[in-house]
Protein backbone atom coordinates (compact mmCIF):
# COMPACT_ATOMS: atom_id res chain seq x y z
CA MET A 1 36.17 61.38 81.24
CA PRO A 2 35.41 57.33 80.83
CA LEU A 3 32.88 56.08 83.29
CA SER A 4 33.78 54.19 86.51
CA PRO A 5 33.05 50.55 86.64
CA SER A 6 29.96 51.04 88.70
CA GLN A 7 28.70 54.17 86.24
CA THR A 8 29.86 51.35 83.18
CA ARG A 9 27.76 48.65 85.38
CA ALA A 10 24.47 51.13 86.22
CA LEU A 11 24.72 52.12 81.92
CA LEU A 12 24.70 48.82 81.18
CA GLU A 13 21.65 47.70 83.11
CA SER A 14 20.02 50.72 82.20
CA LEU A 15 19.93 49.75 78.38
CA GLY A 16 19.41 45.88 79.86
CA HIS A 17 22.04 45.19 78.00
CA ARG A 18 25.41 42.23 78.91
CA PRO A 19 28.57 42.76 77.64
CA ARG A 20 28.82 40.25 74.70
CA LYS A 21 32.27 38.03 75.24
CA PRO A 22 32.26 37.09 71.40
CA LEU A 23 31.75 40.00 70.62
CA GLY A 24 34.98 41.24 73.10
CA GLN A 25 32.76 43.62 74.80
CA ASN A 26 35.14 44.90 77.63
CA PHE A 27 34.46 48.42 78.18
CA LEU A 28 37.16 51.03 78.79
CA ILE A 29 37.37 52.43 82.35
CA ASP A 30 40.92 53.97 82.58
CA GLY A 31 41.15 57.88 82.05
CA ASN A 32 44.82 57.50 81.08
CA ILE A 33 44.25 54.95 78.83
CA VAL A 34 41.89 57.57 76.80
CA ARG A 35 44.59 60.05 77.07
CA LYS A 36 47.38 58.05 76.14
CA SER A 37 45.28 57.11 72.50
CA LEU A 38 44.31 59.95 71.67
CA GLN A 39 48.19 61.37 72.47
CA LEU A 40 49.77 58.49 69.95
CA ALA A 41 47.47 59.34 67.61
CA ALA A 42 48.38 62.57 67.81
CA LEU A 43 44.81 63.98 67.29
CA GLN A 44 43.97 67.90 66.59
CA PRO A 45 40.55 69.63 65.98
CA GLY A 46 39.78 69.05 62.57
CA ASP A 47 41.09 65.60 62.27
CA THR A 48 39.14 62.83 60.95
CA VAL A 49 38.76 59.11 62.71
CA VAL A 50 38.09 55.74 62.15
CA GLU A 51 36.69 53.79 65.26
CA VAL A 52 35.93 50.45 65.42
CA GLY A 53 33.50 49.27 68.37
CA PRO A 54 32.68 52.51 70.61
CA GLY A 55 30.96 50.38 72.23
CA LEU A 56 29.97 53.27 74.47
CA GLY A 57 30.97 55.78 73.10
CA THR A 58 33.91 56.42 75.87
CA LEU A 59 36.77 57.30 73.18
CA SER A 60 34.36 58.64 70.29
CA SER A 61 33.68 61.52 73.30
CA ALA A 62 36.61 62.10 73.82
CA MET A 63 37.24 62.31 70.07
CA LEU A 64 34.30 64.41 69.62
CA GLU A 65 35.31 66.80 72.45
CA LEU A 66 38.67 67.45 70.68
CA GLY A 67 37.04 68.59 67.68
CA CYS A 68 37.94 65.48 65.16
CA SER A 69 34.93 64.24 62.94
CA VAL A 70 34.61 60.57 64.12
CA TYR A 71 33.70 57.57 61.57
CA ALA A 72 32.54 54.84 63.61
CA VAL A 73 30.63 50.80 62.86
CA GLU A 74 29.39 49.38 65.32
CA LEU A 75 27.48 45.63 65.37
CA ASP A 76 25.42 45.59 68.22
CA LYS A 77 22.27 46.71 67.73
CA THR A 78 21.82 47.78 71.64
CA LEU A 79 24.94 49.78 71.67
CA ALA A 80 23.98 51.14 68.20
CA ALA A 81 20.75 52.52 69.44
CA HIS A 82 22.31 54.10 72.84
CA LEU A 83 25.11 55.97 70.72
CA ARG A 84 22.19 57.49 67.97
CA ALA A 85 20.15 58.17 71.24
CA THR A 86 23.41 60.22 72.51
CA LEU A 87 26.39 61.36 70.29
CA VAL A 88 24.78 61.61 67.00
CA PRO A 89 22.02 64.40 68.35
CA GLU A 90 25.13 65.84 70.33
CA PHE A 91 27.47 65.65 67.15
CA PRO A 92 25.18 65.71 64.24
CA ASP A 93 27.99 66.98 61.82
CA ARG A 94 30.48 64.78 63.36
CA PHE A 95 29.85 61.87 64.87
CA HIS A 96 28.46 59.34 61.99
CA LEU A 97 27.66 56.00 62.65
CA LEU A 98 26.82 52.90 60.49
CA GLU A 99 26.02 49.54 62.21
CA GLY A 100 27.76 46.87 61.01
CA ASP A 101 30.41 44.29 60.73
CA ALA A 102 34.08 46.59 60.69
CA VAL A 103 35.00 43.34 59.14
CA ASP A 104 33.40 43.96 55.76
CA PHE A 105 33.15 48.13 56.41
CA PRO A 106 36.75 48.32 58.09
CA ARG A 107 36.39 52.35 57.57
CA ALA A 108 33.24 52.83 58.88
CA GLY A 109 31.82 54.12 55.82
CA ILE A 110 33.97 57.13 55.33
CA PRO A 111 33.62 59.06 52.25
CA ASN A 112 36.40 57.97 49.21
CA THR A 113 36.69 61.79 49.09
CA VAL A 114 39.22 61.45 52.71
CA THR A 115 42.49 60.09 52.13
CA ALA A 116 43.89 61.69 55.04
CA PHE A 117 42.13 59.47 58.33
CA LYS A 118 43.58 57.98 61.36
CA VAL A 119 42.25 55.44 63.15
CA VAL A 120 41.88 54.40 66.92
CA ALA A 121 39.83 51.55 68.06
CA ASN A 122 39.73 49.10 70.68
CA LEU A 123 39.40 45.90 68.46
CA PRO A 124 38.00 42.66 69.47
CA TYR A 125 40.46 40.13 69.38
CA ALA A 126 38.92 37.39 67.33
CA ILE A 127 38.28 40.53 64.59
CA THR A 128 42.02 42.10 64.98
CA SER A 129 43.69 40.23 62.13
CA PRO A 130 40.64 40.08 59.43
CA TRP A 131 39.95 43.74 60.23
CA LEU A 132 43.69 45.19 60.13
CA ASP A 133 44.09 42.81 56.40
CA ALA A 134 40.92 44.91 55.40
CA MET A 135 42.22 48.06 56.27
CA LEU A 136 45.83 47.26 54.48
CA THR A 137 44.33 48.64 51.25
CA ASP A 138 44.16 51.90 49.46
CA PRO A 139 44.16 54.84 50.20
CA LEU A 140 46.32 54.16 53.74
CA PRO A 141 45.18 55.69 57.53
CA VAL A 142 48.31 58.03 57.89
CA ASP A 143 48.06 56.73 61.81
CA MET A 144 46.63 53.61 63.52
CA VAL A 145 46.31 53.52 67.64
CA LEU A 146 44.97 50.31 68.24
CA MET A 147 44.06 48.69 71.67
CA MET A 148 44.64 44.67 71.39
CA GLN A 149 45.51 41.72 73.23
CA LYS A 150 48.90 41.77 73.60
CA GLU A 151 49.05 37.89 71.62
CA ALA A 152 47.54 39.82 68.50
CA ALA A 153 49.68 42.47 69.03
CA ASP A 154 53.28 40.17 69.16
CA ARG A 155 51.69 38.68 65.93
CA ILE A 156 51.32 41.97 63.77
CA THR A 157 54.71 42.78 64.55
CA ALA A 158 56.71 39.90 64.60
CA GLY A 159 60.02 39.76 62.56
CA PRO A 160 61.10 36.39 60.83
CA GLY A 161 61.82 33.58 62.57
CA SER A 162 59.36 33.98 65.03
CA LYS A 163 56.66 31.48 66.29
CA SER A 164 54.49 34.49 66.11
CA TYR A 165 55.58 35.55 62.35
CA GLY A 166 52.62 35.04 59.44
CA ALA A 167 50.67 36.92 56.61
CA ILE A 168 49.38 39.35 58.82
CA SER A 169 53.11 40.48 60.35
CA ILE A 170 54.28 40.75 56.83
CA PHE A 171 51.04 42.71 55.04
CA THR A 172 51.46 45.12 58.21
CA GLY A 173 55.72 45.09 57.91
CA ALA A 174 55.27 46.51 54.21
CA ALA A 175 53.14 49.57 55.07
CA CYS A 176 53.91 50.34 58.21
CA GLU A 177 56.29 50.88 60.62
CA ARG A 178 55.60 50.59 64.26
CA ALA A 179 55.62 53.86 65.93
CA GLY A 180 55.29 53.28 69.62
CA VAL A 181 53.45 50.61 71.95
CA HIS A 182 52.45 51.42 75.61
CA LYS A 183 51.31 48.28 77.82
CA VAL A 184 47.74 48.38 79.20
CA SER A 185 46.85 46.55 82.17
CA ARG A 186 43.57 44.30 82.11
CA THR A 187 42.02 46.00 85.06
CA CYS A 188 41.62 49.30 82.76
CA PHE A 189 38.18 47.13 81.44
CA TYR A 190 34.69 46.27 82.60
CA PRO A 191 34.32 43.04 82.68
CA VAL A 192 37.76 42.15 83.36
CA PRO A 193 39.57 40.01 81.00
CA GLY A 194 41.28 36.86 81.05
CA VAL A 195 44.63 38.98 79.46
CA ASP A 196 46.24 42.23 79.64
CA SER A 197 46.63 44.27 75.88
CA GLN A 198 48.65 46.76 74.44
CA LEU A 199 47.86 50.42 72.55
CA LEU A 200 49.80 49.42 69.18
CA HIS A 201 50.67 52.96 67.27
CA LEU A 202 51.27 51.42 63.24
CA ARG A 203 52.12 54.51 60.92
CA ARG A 204 51.66 54.91 57.28
CA LYS A 205 55.49 54.36 55.77
CA GLN A 206 56.80 56.81 53.52
CA GLU A 207 56.92 54.31 50.23
CA PRO A 208 54.69 51.96 51.65
CA LYS A 209 53.87 49.03 49.54
CA LEU A 210 50.43 46.95 49.68
CA PHE A 211 49.96 43.22 48.45
CA SER A 212 47.67 42.14 45.56
CA GLY A 213 45.01 39.90 46.63
CA GLU A 214 46.19 36.91 44.83
CA ALA A 215 50.02 37.64 46.79
CA ARG A 216 48.00 38.05 49.89
CA ASP A 217 46.04 34.14 48.54
CA LEU A 218 49.67 32.63 48.31
CA ILE A 219 51.48 34.16 51.40
CA ARG A 220 48.30 32.93 53.56
CA GLN A 221 48.28 29.07 52.11
CA LEU A 222 52.27 29.17 52.36
CA PHE A 223 51.81 30.31 56.47
CA THR A 224 49.21 26.98 56.74
CA GLN A 225 52.80 24.82 55.87
CA ARG A 226 55.15 27.21 57.71
CA ARG A 227 57.46 24.41 59.06
CA LYS A 228 58.12 22.99 55.00
CA GLN A 229 60.65 24.35 53.14
CA ILE A 230 59.66 27.24 50.59
CA GLY A 231 60.97 25.70 47.49
CA SER A 232 59.03 22.35 48.20
CA LEU A 233 55.85 24.33 48.79
CA LEU A 234 56.30 26.21 45.56
CA GLN A 235 57.64 23.07 43.32
CA LYS A 236 54.66 22.79 41.15
CA ARG A 237 54.45 27.05 41.02
CA GLU A 238 57.02 26.69 37.93
CA ALA A 239 55.91 30.66 37.03
CA LEU A 240 57.59 30.75 40.59
CA HIS A 241 61.16 29.36 40.50
CA PRO A 242 62.96 32.64 39.43
CA TRP A 243 61.93 34.20 42.54
CA LEU A 244 63.27 31.09 44.20
CA GLN A 245 66.20 31.63 42.80
CA GLU A 246 66.45 35.25 43.55
CA LEU A 247 66.43 34.06 47.50
CA PRO A 248 70.29 34.55 48.14
CA GLY A 249 69.83 38.22 48.02
CA PHE A 250 67.36 38.30 50.75
CA GLY A 251 69.64 35.98 53.10
CA CYS A 252 67.64 33.09 52.50
CA SER A 253 67.39 30.09 50.43
CA ARG A 254 64.44 27.93 49.01
CA THR A 255 65.51 25.13 51.88
CA ASP A 256 63.82 27.89 54.37
CA ARG A 257 60.60 27.49 55.45
CA PRO A 258 58.04 30.82 54.94
CA GLU A 259 58.54 31.04 58.72
CA ASP A 260 61.73 32.71 58.46
CA ILE A 261 61.57 34.45 54.56
CA PRO A 262 62.33 37.94 55.35
CA LEU A 263 59.72 41.17 54.95
CA GLN A 264 62.18 41.54 51.89
CA ALA A 265 61.22 38.99 49.83
CA TRP A 266 57.82 38.59 50.47
CA GLU A 267 57.84 42.16 48.89
CA ALA A 268 59.68 40.73 45.94
CA LEU A 269 57.10 37.91 45.53
CA ASN A 270 54.57 40.55 45.61
CA THR A 271 55.94 42.20 42.39
CA PHE A 272 56.71 38.99 40.66
CA LEU A 273 53.06 37.71 40.74
CA GLN A 274 52.08 41.59 39.32
């Protein structure tokens, strides 16, 4: 079971650690949300799981006790030392801790030989999009159950025509489908954040599509001018004019803005650039 607010506070004080807002350190204190995370991921004994920011080890402990192998990446030195002193000795063969930035190590050092794995993580707001962007490469996880601020979840799952629709919506939508979402009150954390969160369940598509580095860079660049017409933005990219001519087949045109171009058209752009 997760620690209560008072237990969490006492443990942090014993470690001489104050939650660091820039790192999004809001510690989960609700056992129902822990159970819901494991349920959405359909975790089974023997599963390999990646965790981002294990913190005090609340989710890690639950997954380890279930019989999973956990690969976790933690940036905070104090919390990493706490985990090495507690969970590593208790589960030496199944808890693997990497100290570093999750954006640089999105899979937490999981061996390249492991191709079937899941992700269960409480993501800090500041790294949600860059971490997910880094994760959307081969091999893709089978399932991801991600705790994140509602604003981030809206951005990741947004569709064309929405103000939240952007590059990360496209890259995620091409590789994964939204399999579920669960609202999480801000009172489930210590300290209490200023906004509510969501558990977002993303499942790998049967035929996922991954964008090349060139396509990603171009799409990100186009969305920095999301209100301009796509034909105008690509006027000097003559090699892409045939793609512009294909847009009517996707229900849009060269006079539409990037925020109105559907996923299938962006996937065609990715193919064009390969």
